[in-house]
PDB file of all heavy atoms in Angstrom:
ATOM      1  N   VAL A   1       4.563   4.783  -3.541  1.00  0.00           N
ATOM      2  CA  VAL A   1       5.991   5.023  -3.318  1.00  0.00           C
ATOM      3  C   VAL A   1       6.442   6.401  -4.040  1.00  0.00           C
ATOM      4  O   VAL A   1       7.143   7.055  -3.509  1.00  0.00           O
ATOM      5  CB  VAL A   1       6.856   3.846  -3.958  1.00  0.00           C
ATOM      6  CG1 VAL A   1       8.390   4.207  -3.862  1.00  0.00           C
ATOM      7  CG2 VAL A   1       6.612   2.535  -3.138  1.00  0.00           C
ATOM      8  N   ALA A   2       5.859   6.641  -5.111  1.00  0.00           N
ATOM      9  CA  ALA A   2       6.172   7.902  -5.883  1.00  0.00           C
ATOM     10  C   ALA A   2       5.657   9.145  -5.096  1.00  0.00           C
ATOM     11  O   ALA A   2       6.310  10.174  -5.021  1.00  0.00           O
ATOM     12  CB  ALA A   2       5.454   7.846  -7.256  1.00  0.00           C
ATOM     13  N   GLY A   3       4.473   8.986  -4.436  1.00  0.00           N
ATOM     14  CA  GLY A   3       3.972  10.153  -3.695  1.00  0.00           C
ATOM     15  C   GLY A   3       4.596  10.256  -2.327  1.00  0.00           C
ATOM     16  O   GLY A   3       4.682  11.463  -1.936  1.00  0.00           O
ATOM     17  N   GLY A   4       4.972   9.259  -1.681  1.00  0.00           N
ATOM     18  CA  GLY A   4       5.526   9.379  -0.369  1.00  0.00           C
ATOM     19  C   GLY A   4       4.587   9.259   0.723  1.00  0.00           C
ATOM     20  O   GLY A   4       4.564   8.381   1.456  1.00  0.00           O
ATOM     21  N   ARG A   5       3.732  10.260   0.804  1.00  0.00           N
ATOM     22  CA  ARG A   5       2.767  10.251   1.859  1.00  0.00           C
ATOM     23  C   ARG A   5       1.406  10.006   1.339  1.00  0.00           C
ATOM     24  O   ARG A   5       0.583  10.875   1.172  1.00  0.00           O
ATOM     25  CB  ARG A   5       2.774  11.681   2.569  1.00  0.00           C
ATOM     26  CG  ARG A   5       4.147  11.979   3.185  1.00  0.00           C
ATOM     27  CD  ARG A   5       3.969  13.321   3.878  1.00  0.00           C
ATOM     28  NE  ARG A   5       5.260  13.575   4.443  1.00  0.00           N
ATOM     29  CZ  ARG A   5       5.987  14.706   4.197  1.00  0.00           C
ATOM     30  NH1 ARG A   5       5.684  15.489   3.288  1.00  0.00           N
ATOM     31  NH2 ARG A   5       7.197  14.819   4.776  1.00  0.00           N
ATOM     32  N   ARG A   6       1.180   8.752   1.069  1.00  0.00           N
ATOM     33  CA  ARG A   6      -0.095   8.356   0.523  1.00  0.00           C
ATOM     34  C   ARG A   6      -0.789   7.152   1.207  1.00  0.00           C
ATOM     35  O   ARG A   6      -0.097   6.413   1.864  1.00  0.00           O
ATOM     36  CB  ARG A   6       0.060   7.882  -1.044  1.00  0.00           C
ATOM     37  CG  ARG A   6       0.512   9.161  -1.789  1.00  0.00           C
ATOM     38  CD  ARG A   6       0.488   8.867  -3.300  1.00  0.00           C
ATOM     39  NE  ARG A   6       0.713  10.116  -3.958  1.00  0.00           N
ATOM     40  CZ  ARG A   6       1.036  10.203  -5.172  1.00  0.00           C
ATOM     41  NH1 ARG A   6       1.201   9.046  -5.866  1.00  0.00           N
ATOM     42  NH2 ARG A   6       1.169  11.334  -5.724  1.00  0.00           N
ATOM     43  N   ALA A   7      -2.023   7.073   1.055  1.00  0.00           N
ATOM     44  CA  ALA A   7      -2.718   5.979   1.827  1.00  0.00           C
ATOM     45  C   ALA A   7      -3.595   5.298   0.767  1.00  0.00           C
ATOM     46  O   ALA A   7      -4.010   5.742  -0.313  1.00  0.00           O
ATOM     47  CB  ALA A   7      -3.671   6.561   2.866  1.00  0.00           C
ATOM     48  N   LEU A   8      -3.749   3.913   0.935  1.00  0.00           N
ATOM     49  CA  LEU A   8      -4.619   3.072  -0.054  1.00  0.00           C
ATOM     50  C   LEU A   8      -5.942   2.860   0.655  1.00  0.00           C
ATOM     51  O   LEU A   8      -5.975   2.083   1.580  1.00  0.00           O
ATOM     52  CB  LEU A   8      -3.829   1.755  -0.297  1.00  0.00           C
ATOM     53  CG  LEU A   8      -2.522   1.977  -0.821  1.00  0.00           C
ATOM     54  CD1 LEU A   8      -1.793   0.493  -1.079  1.00  0.00           C
ATOM     55  CD2 LEU A   8      -2.429   2.534  -2.167  1.00  0.00           C
ATOM     56  N   PHE A   9      -6.971   3.481   0.074  1.00  0.00           N
ATOM     57  CA  PHE A   9      -8.259   3.334   0.610  1.00  0.00           C
ATOM     58  C   PHE A   9      -9.109   2.424  -0.484  1.00  0.00           C
ATOM     59  O   PHE A   9      -9.549   2.933  -1.348  1.00  0.00           O
ATOM     60  CB  PHE A   9      -9.064   4.532   0.845  1.00  0.00           C
ATOM     61  CG  PHE A   9      -8.384   5.518   1.833  1.00  0.00           C
ATOM     62  CD1 PHE A   9      -7.559   6.530   1.472  1.00  0.00           C
ATOM     63  CD2 PHE A   9      -8.638   5.263   3.170  1.00  0.00           C
ATOM     64  CE1 PHE A   9      -7.003   7.390   2.459  1.00  0.00           C
ATOM     65  CE2 PHE A   9      -7.973   6.036   4.181  1.00  0.00           C
ATOM     66  CZ  PHE A   9      -7.167   7.059   3.763  1.00  0.00           C
ATOM     67  N   GLU A  10      -8.861   1.139  -0.281  1.00  0.00           N
ATOM     68  CA  GLU A  10      -9.549   0.263  -1.223  1.00  0.00           C
ATOM     69  C   GLU A  10     -10.487  -0.626  -0.493  1.00  0.00           C
ATOM     70  O   GLU A  10     -10.614  -0.853   0.674  1.00  0.00           O
ATOM     71  CB  GLU A  10      -8.345  -0.773  -1.789  1.00  0.00           C
ATOM     72  CG  GLU A  10      -7.335   0.055  -2.497  1.00  0.00           C
ATOM     73  CD  GLU A  10      -6.243  -0.802  -2.933  1.00  0.00           C
ATOM     74  OE1 GLU A  10      -6.215  -2.029  -2.847  1.00  0.00           O
ATOM     75  OE2 GLU A  10      -5.201  -0.246  -3.419  1.00  0.00           O
ATOM     76  N   ALA A  11     -11.382  -1.266  -1.329  1.00  0.00           N
ATOM     77  CA  ALA A  11     -12.414  -2.140  -0.843  1.00  0.00           C
ATOM     78  C   ALA A  11     -11.868  -3.408  -0.281  1.00  0.00           C
ATOM     79  O   ALA A  11     -10.741  -3.782  -0.445  1.00  0.00           O
ATOM     80  CB  ALA A  11     -13.511  -2.477  -1.965  1.00  0.00           C
ATOM     81  N   PHE A  12     -12.625  -4.076   0.566  1.00  0.00           N
ATOM     82  CA  PHE A  12     -12.300  -5.354   1.164  1.00  0.00           C
ATOM     83  C   PHE A  12     -11.967  -6.351   0.034  1.00  0.00           C
ATOM     84  O   PHE A  12     -12.542  -6.437  -0.883  1.00  0.00           O
ATOM     85  CB  PHE A  12     -13.461  -5.832   2.035  1.00  0.00           C
ATOM     86  CG  PHE A  12     -13.186  -7.166   2.685  1.00  0.00           C
ATOM     87  CD1 PHE A  12     -12.402  -7.204   3.796  1.00  0.00           C
ATOM     88  CD2 PHE A  12     -13.687  -8.258   2.216  1.00  0.00           C
ATOM     89  CE1 PHE A  12     -12.258  -8.384   4.481  1.00  0.00           C
ATOM     90  CE2 PHE A  12     -13.396  -9.509   2.765  1.00  0.00           C
ATOM     91  CZ  PHE A  12     -12.677  -9.521   3.997  1.00  0.00           C
ATOM     92  N   GLY A  13     -10.771  -6.993   0.282  1.00  0.00           N
ATOM     93  CA  GLY A  13     -10.403  -8.004  -0.579  1.00  0.00           C
ATOM     94  C   GLY A  13      -9.468  -7.744  -1.674  1.00  0.00           C
ATOM     95  O   GLY A  13      -9.246  -8.538  -2.610  1.00  0.00           O
ATOM     96  N   LEU A  14      -9.116  -6.435  -1.755  1.00  0.00           N
ATOM     97  CA  LEU A  14      -8.196  -6.068  -2.944  1.00  0.00           C
ATOM     98  C   LEU A  14      -6.691  -6.164  -2.584  1.00  0.00           C
ATOM     99  O   LEU A  14      -5.913  -5.941  -3.477  1.00  0.00           O
ATOM    100  CB  LEU A  14      -8.631  -4.631  -3.404  1.00  0.00           C
ATOM    101  CG  LEU A  14      -9.915  -4.495  -4.045  1.00  0.00           C
ATOM    102  CD1 LEU A  14     -10.327  -2.977  -4.476  1.00  0.00           C
ATOM    103  CD2 LEU A  14     -10.095  -5.347  -5.344  1.00  0.00           C
ATOM    104  N   GLY A  15      -6.432  -6.627  -1.424  1.00  0.00           N
ATOM    105  CA  GLY A  15      -5.003  -6.877  -1.048  1.00  0.00           C
ATOM    106  C   GLY A  15      -4.293  -5.654  -0.503  1.00  0.00           C
ATOM    107  O   GLY A  15      -3.091  -5.482  -0.796  1.00  0.00           O
ATOM    108  N   LYS A  16      -4.996  -4.888   0.304  1.00  0.00           N
ATOM    109  CA  LYS A  16      -4.249  -3.786   0.797  1.00  0.00           C
ATOM    110  C   LYS A  16      -3.118  -4.093   1.800  1.00  0.00           C
ATOM    111  O   LYS A  16      -2.048  -3.430   1.715  1.00  0.00           O
ATOM    112  CB  LYS A  16      -5.216  -2.900   1.681  1.00  0.00           C
ATOM    113  CG  LYS A  16      -6.330  -2.279   0.996  1.00  0.00           C
ATOM    114  CD  LYS A  16      -7.365  -1.444   1.897  1.00  0.00           C
ATOM    115  CE  LYS A  16      -8.034  -2.293   2.735  1.00  0.00           C
ATOM    116  NZ  LYS A  16      -9.028  -3.235   2.247  1.00  0.00           N
ATOM    117  N   SER A  17      -3.160  -5.218   2.500  1.00  0.00           N
ATOM    118  CA  SER A  17      -2.099  -5.627   3.381  1.00  0.00           C
ATOM    119  C   SER A  17      -0.919  -5.958   2.650  1.00  0.00           C
ATOM    120  O   SER A  17       0.226  -5.590   2.924  1.00  0.00           O
ATOM    121  CB  SER A  17      -2.611  -6.757   4.232  1.00  0.00           C
ATOM    122  OG  SER A  17      -3.576  -6.515   5.065  1.00  0.00           O
ATOM    123  N   VAL A  18      -0.996  -6.799   1.507  1.00  0.00           N
ATOM    124  CA  VAL A  18       0.061  -7.097   0.762  1.00  0.00           C
ATOM    125  C   VAL A  18       0.813  -6.030   0.096  1.00  0.00           C
ATOM    126  O   VAL A  18       2.012  -5.766  -0.027  1.00  0.00           O
ATOM    127  CB  VAL A  18      -0.199  -8.375  -0.218  1.00  0.00           C
ATOM    128  CG1 VAL A  18      -1.087  -7.900  -1.384  1.00  0.00           C
ATOM    129  CG2 VAL A  18       1.147  -9.067  -0.775  1.00  0.00           C
ATOM    130  N   GLN A  19       0.039  -5.076  -0.340  1.00  0.00           N
ATOM    131  CA  GLN A  19       0.387  -3.797  -0.962  1.00  0.00           C
ATOM    132  C   GLN A  19       1.302  -3.016   0.043  1.00  0.00           C
ATOM    133  O   GLN A  19       2.244  -2.506  -0.248  1.00  0.00           O
ATOM    134  CB  GLN A  19      -0.682  -3.024  -1.502  1.00  0.00           C
ATOM    135  CG  GLN A  19      -1.392  -3.444  -2.737  1.00  0.00           C
ATOM    136  CD  GLN A  19      -2.619  -2.869  -3.039  1.00  0.00           C
ATOM    137  OE1 GLN A  19      -2.529  -1.675  -3.565  1.00  0.00           O
ATOM    138  NE2 GLN A  19      -3.810  -3.484  -2.910  1.00  0.00           N
ATOM    139  N   GLN A  20       0.683  -2.913   1.281  1.00  0.00           N
ATOM    140  CA  GLN A  20       1.412  -2.117   2.282  1.00  0.00           C
ATOM    141  C   GLN A  20       2.738  -2.836   2.657  1.00  0.00           C
ATOM    142  O   GLN A  20       3.723  -2.038   2.850  1.00  0.00           O
ATOM    143  CB  GLN A  20       0.476  -2.085   3.480  1.00  0.00           C
ATOM    144  CG  GLN A  20       1.000  -1.134   4.614  1.00  0.00           C
ATOM    145  CD  GLN A  20       0.049  -1.058   5.707  1.00  0.00           C
ATOM    146  OE1 GLN A  20      -0.744  -1.888   6.120  1.00  0.00           O
ATOM    147  NE2 GLN A  20      -0.067   0.234   6.372  1.00  0.00           N
ATOM    148  N   LEU A  21       2.727  -4.141   2.656  1.00  0.00           N
ATOM    149  CA  LEU A  21       4.028  -4.837   3.105  1.00  0.00           C
ATOM    150  C   LEU A  21       5.022  -4.471   1.991  1.00  0.00           C
ATOM    151  O   LEU A  21       6.222  -4.368   2.219  1.00  0.00           O
ATOM    152  CB  LEU A  21       3.771  -6.263   3.255  1.00  0.00           C
ATOM    153  CG  LEU A  21       2.950  -6.643   4.504  1.00  0.00           C
ATOM    154  CD1 LEU A  21       2.516  -8.079   4.445  1.00  0.00           C
ATOM    155  CD2 LEU A  21       3.754  -6.332   5.764  1.00  0.00           C
ATOM    156  N   GLU A  22       4.581  -4.647   0.736  1.00  0.00           N
ATOM    157  CA  GLU A  22       5.491  -4.428  -0.407  1.00  0.00           C
ATOM    158  C   GLU A  22       5.998  -2.964  -0.425  1.00  0.00           C
ATOM    159  O   GLU A  22       7.217  -2.644  -0.666  1.00  0.00           O
ATOM    160  CB  GLU A  22       4.771  -4.760  -1.706  1.00  0.00           C
ATOM    161  CG  GLU A  22       5.742  -4.639  -2.856  1.00  0.00           C
ATOM    162  CD  GLU A  22       6.971  -5.606  -2.899  1.00  0.00           C
ATOM    163  OE1 GLU A  22       7.166  -6.418  -2.079  1.00  0.00           O
ATOM    164  OE2 GLU A  22       7.806  -5.518  -3.910  1.00  0.00           O
ATOM    165  N   TRP A  23       5.168  -2.003  -0.112  1.00  0.00           N
ATOM    166  CA  TRP A  23       5.421  -0.601  -0.105  1.00  0.00           C
ATOM    167  C   TRP A  23       6.446  -0.430   0.962  1.00  0.00           C
ATOM    168  O   TRP A  23       7.515   0.280   0.657  1.00  0.00           O
ATOM    169  CB  TRP A  23       4.183   0.016   0.182  1.00  0.00           C
ATOM    170  CG  TRP A  23       4.142   1.618   0.360  1.00  0.00           C
ATOM    171  CD1 TRP A  23       5.147   2.474   0.130  1.00  0.00           C
ATOM    172  CD2 TRP A  23       2.975   2.342   0.744  1.00  0.00           C
ATOM    173  NE1 TRP A  23       4.654   3.700   0.328  1.00  0.00           N
ATOM    174  CE2 TRP A  23       3.297   3.724   0.715  1.00  0.00           C
ATOM    175  CE3 TRP A  23       1.729   2.112   1.060  1.00  0.00           C
ATOM    176  CZ2 TRP A  23       2.567   4.736   1.092  1.00  0.00           C
ATOM    177  CZ3 TRP A  23       0.822   3.076   1.401  1.00  0.00           C
ATOM    178  CH2 TRP A  23       1.246   4.388   1.431  1.00  0.00           C
ATOM    179  N   CYS A  24       6.286  -0.911   2.130  1.00  0.00           N
ATOM    180  CA  CYS A  24       7.227  -0.796   3.195  1.00  0.00           C
ATOM    181  C   CYS A  24       8.630  -1.506   2.802  1.00  0.00           C
ATOM    182  O   CYS A  24       9.651  -0.987   3.251  1.00  0.00           O
ATOM    183  CB  CYS A  24       6.739  -1.350   4.484  1.00  0.00           C
ATOM    184  SG  CYS A  24       5.462  -0.450   5.261  1.00  0.00           S
ATOM    185  N   ARG A  25       8.599  -2.631   2.208  1.00  0.00           N
ATOM    186  CA  ARG A  25       9.753  -3.260   1.823  1.00  0.00           C
ATOM    187  C   ARG A  25      10.672  -2.380   0.923  1.00  0.00           C
ATOM    188  O   ARG A  25      11.808  -2.109   1.122  1.00  0.00           O
ATOM    189  CB  ARG A  25       9.448  -4.595   1.180  1.00  0.00           C
ATOM    190  CG  ARG A  25      10.837  -5.440   0.794  1.00  0.00           C
ATOM    191  CD  ARG A  25      10.511  -6.473  -0.163  1.00  0.00           C
ATOM    192  NE  ARG A  25      10.047  -6.084  -1.470  1.00  0.00           N
ATOM    193  CZ  ARG A  25      10.729  -5.621  -2.547  1.00  0.00           C
ATOM    194  NH1 ARG A  25      12.130  -5.477  -2.332  1.00  0.00           N
ATOM    195  NH2 ARG A  25      10.247  -5.305  -3.596  1.00  0.00           N
ATOM    196  N   ILE A  26       9.977  -1.868  -0.048  1.00  0.00           N
ATOM    197  CA  ILE A  26      10.748  -1.005  -0.976  1.00  0.00           C
ATOM    198  C   ILE A  26      11.239   0.202  -0.384  1.00  0.00           C
ATOM    199  O   ILE A  26      12.444   0.637  -0.522  1.00  0.00           O
ATOM    200  CB  ILE A  26       9.830  -0.643  -2.247  1.00  0.00           C
ATOM    201  CG1 ILE A  26       9.328  -1.902  -3.010  1.00  0.00           C
ATOM    202  CG2 ILE A  26      10.434   0.419  -3.118  1.00  0.00           C
ATOM    203  CD1 ILE A  26       8.272  -1.689  -3.993  1.00  0.00           C
ATOM    204  N   ILE A  27      10.459   0.881   0.430  1.00  0.00           N
ATOM    205  CA  ILE A  27      10.947   2.083   1.077  1.00  0.00           C
ATOM    206  C   ILE A  27      11.998   1.821   2.150  1.00  0.00           C
ATOM    207  O   ILE A  27      13.082   2.626   2.132  1.00  0.00           O
ATOM    208  CB  ILE A  27       9.717   2.863   1.775  1.00  0.00           C
ATOM    209  CG1 ILE A  27       8.769   3.392   0.647  1.00  0.00           C
ATOM    210  CG2 ILE A  27      10.192   3.968   2.622  1.00  0.00           C
ATOM    211  CD1 ILE A  27       7.495   3.913   1.251  1.00  0.00           C
TER     212      ILE A  27
END
């Protein structure tokens, strides 16, 4: 959220989807 134009490149199973949903909710 602080960066604005950022991507989360994380390993399988670390919760990228839930992070993305929360990121979108906040924005």
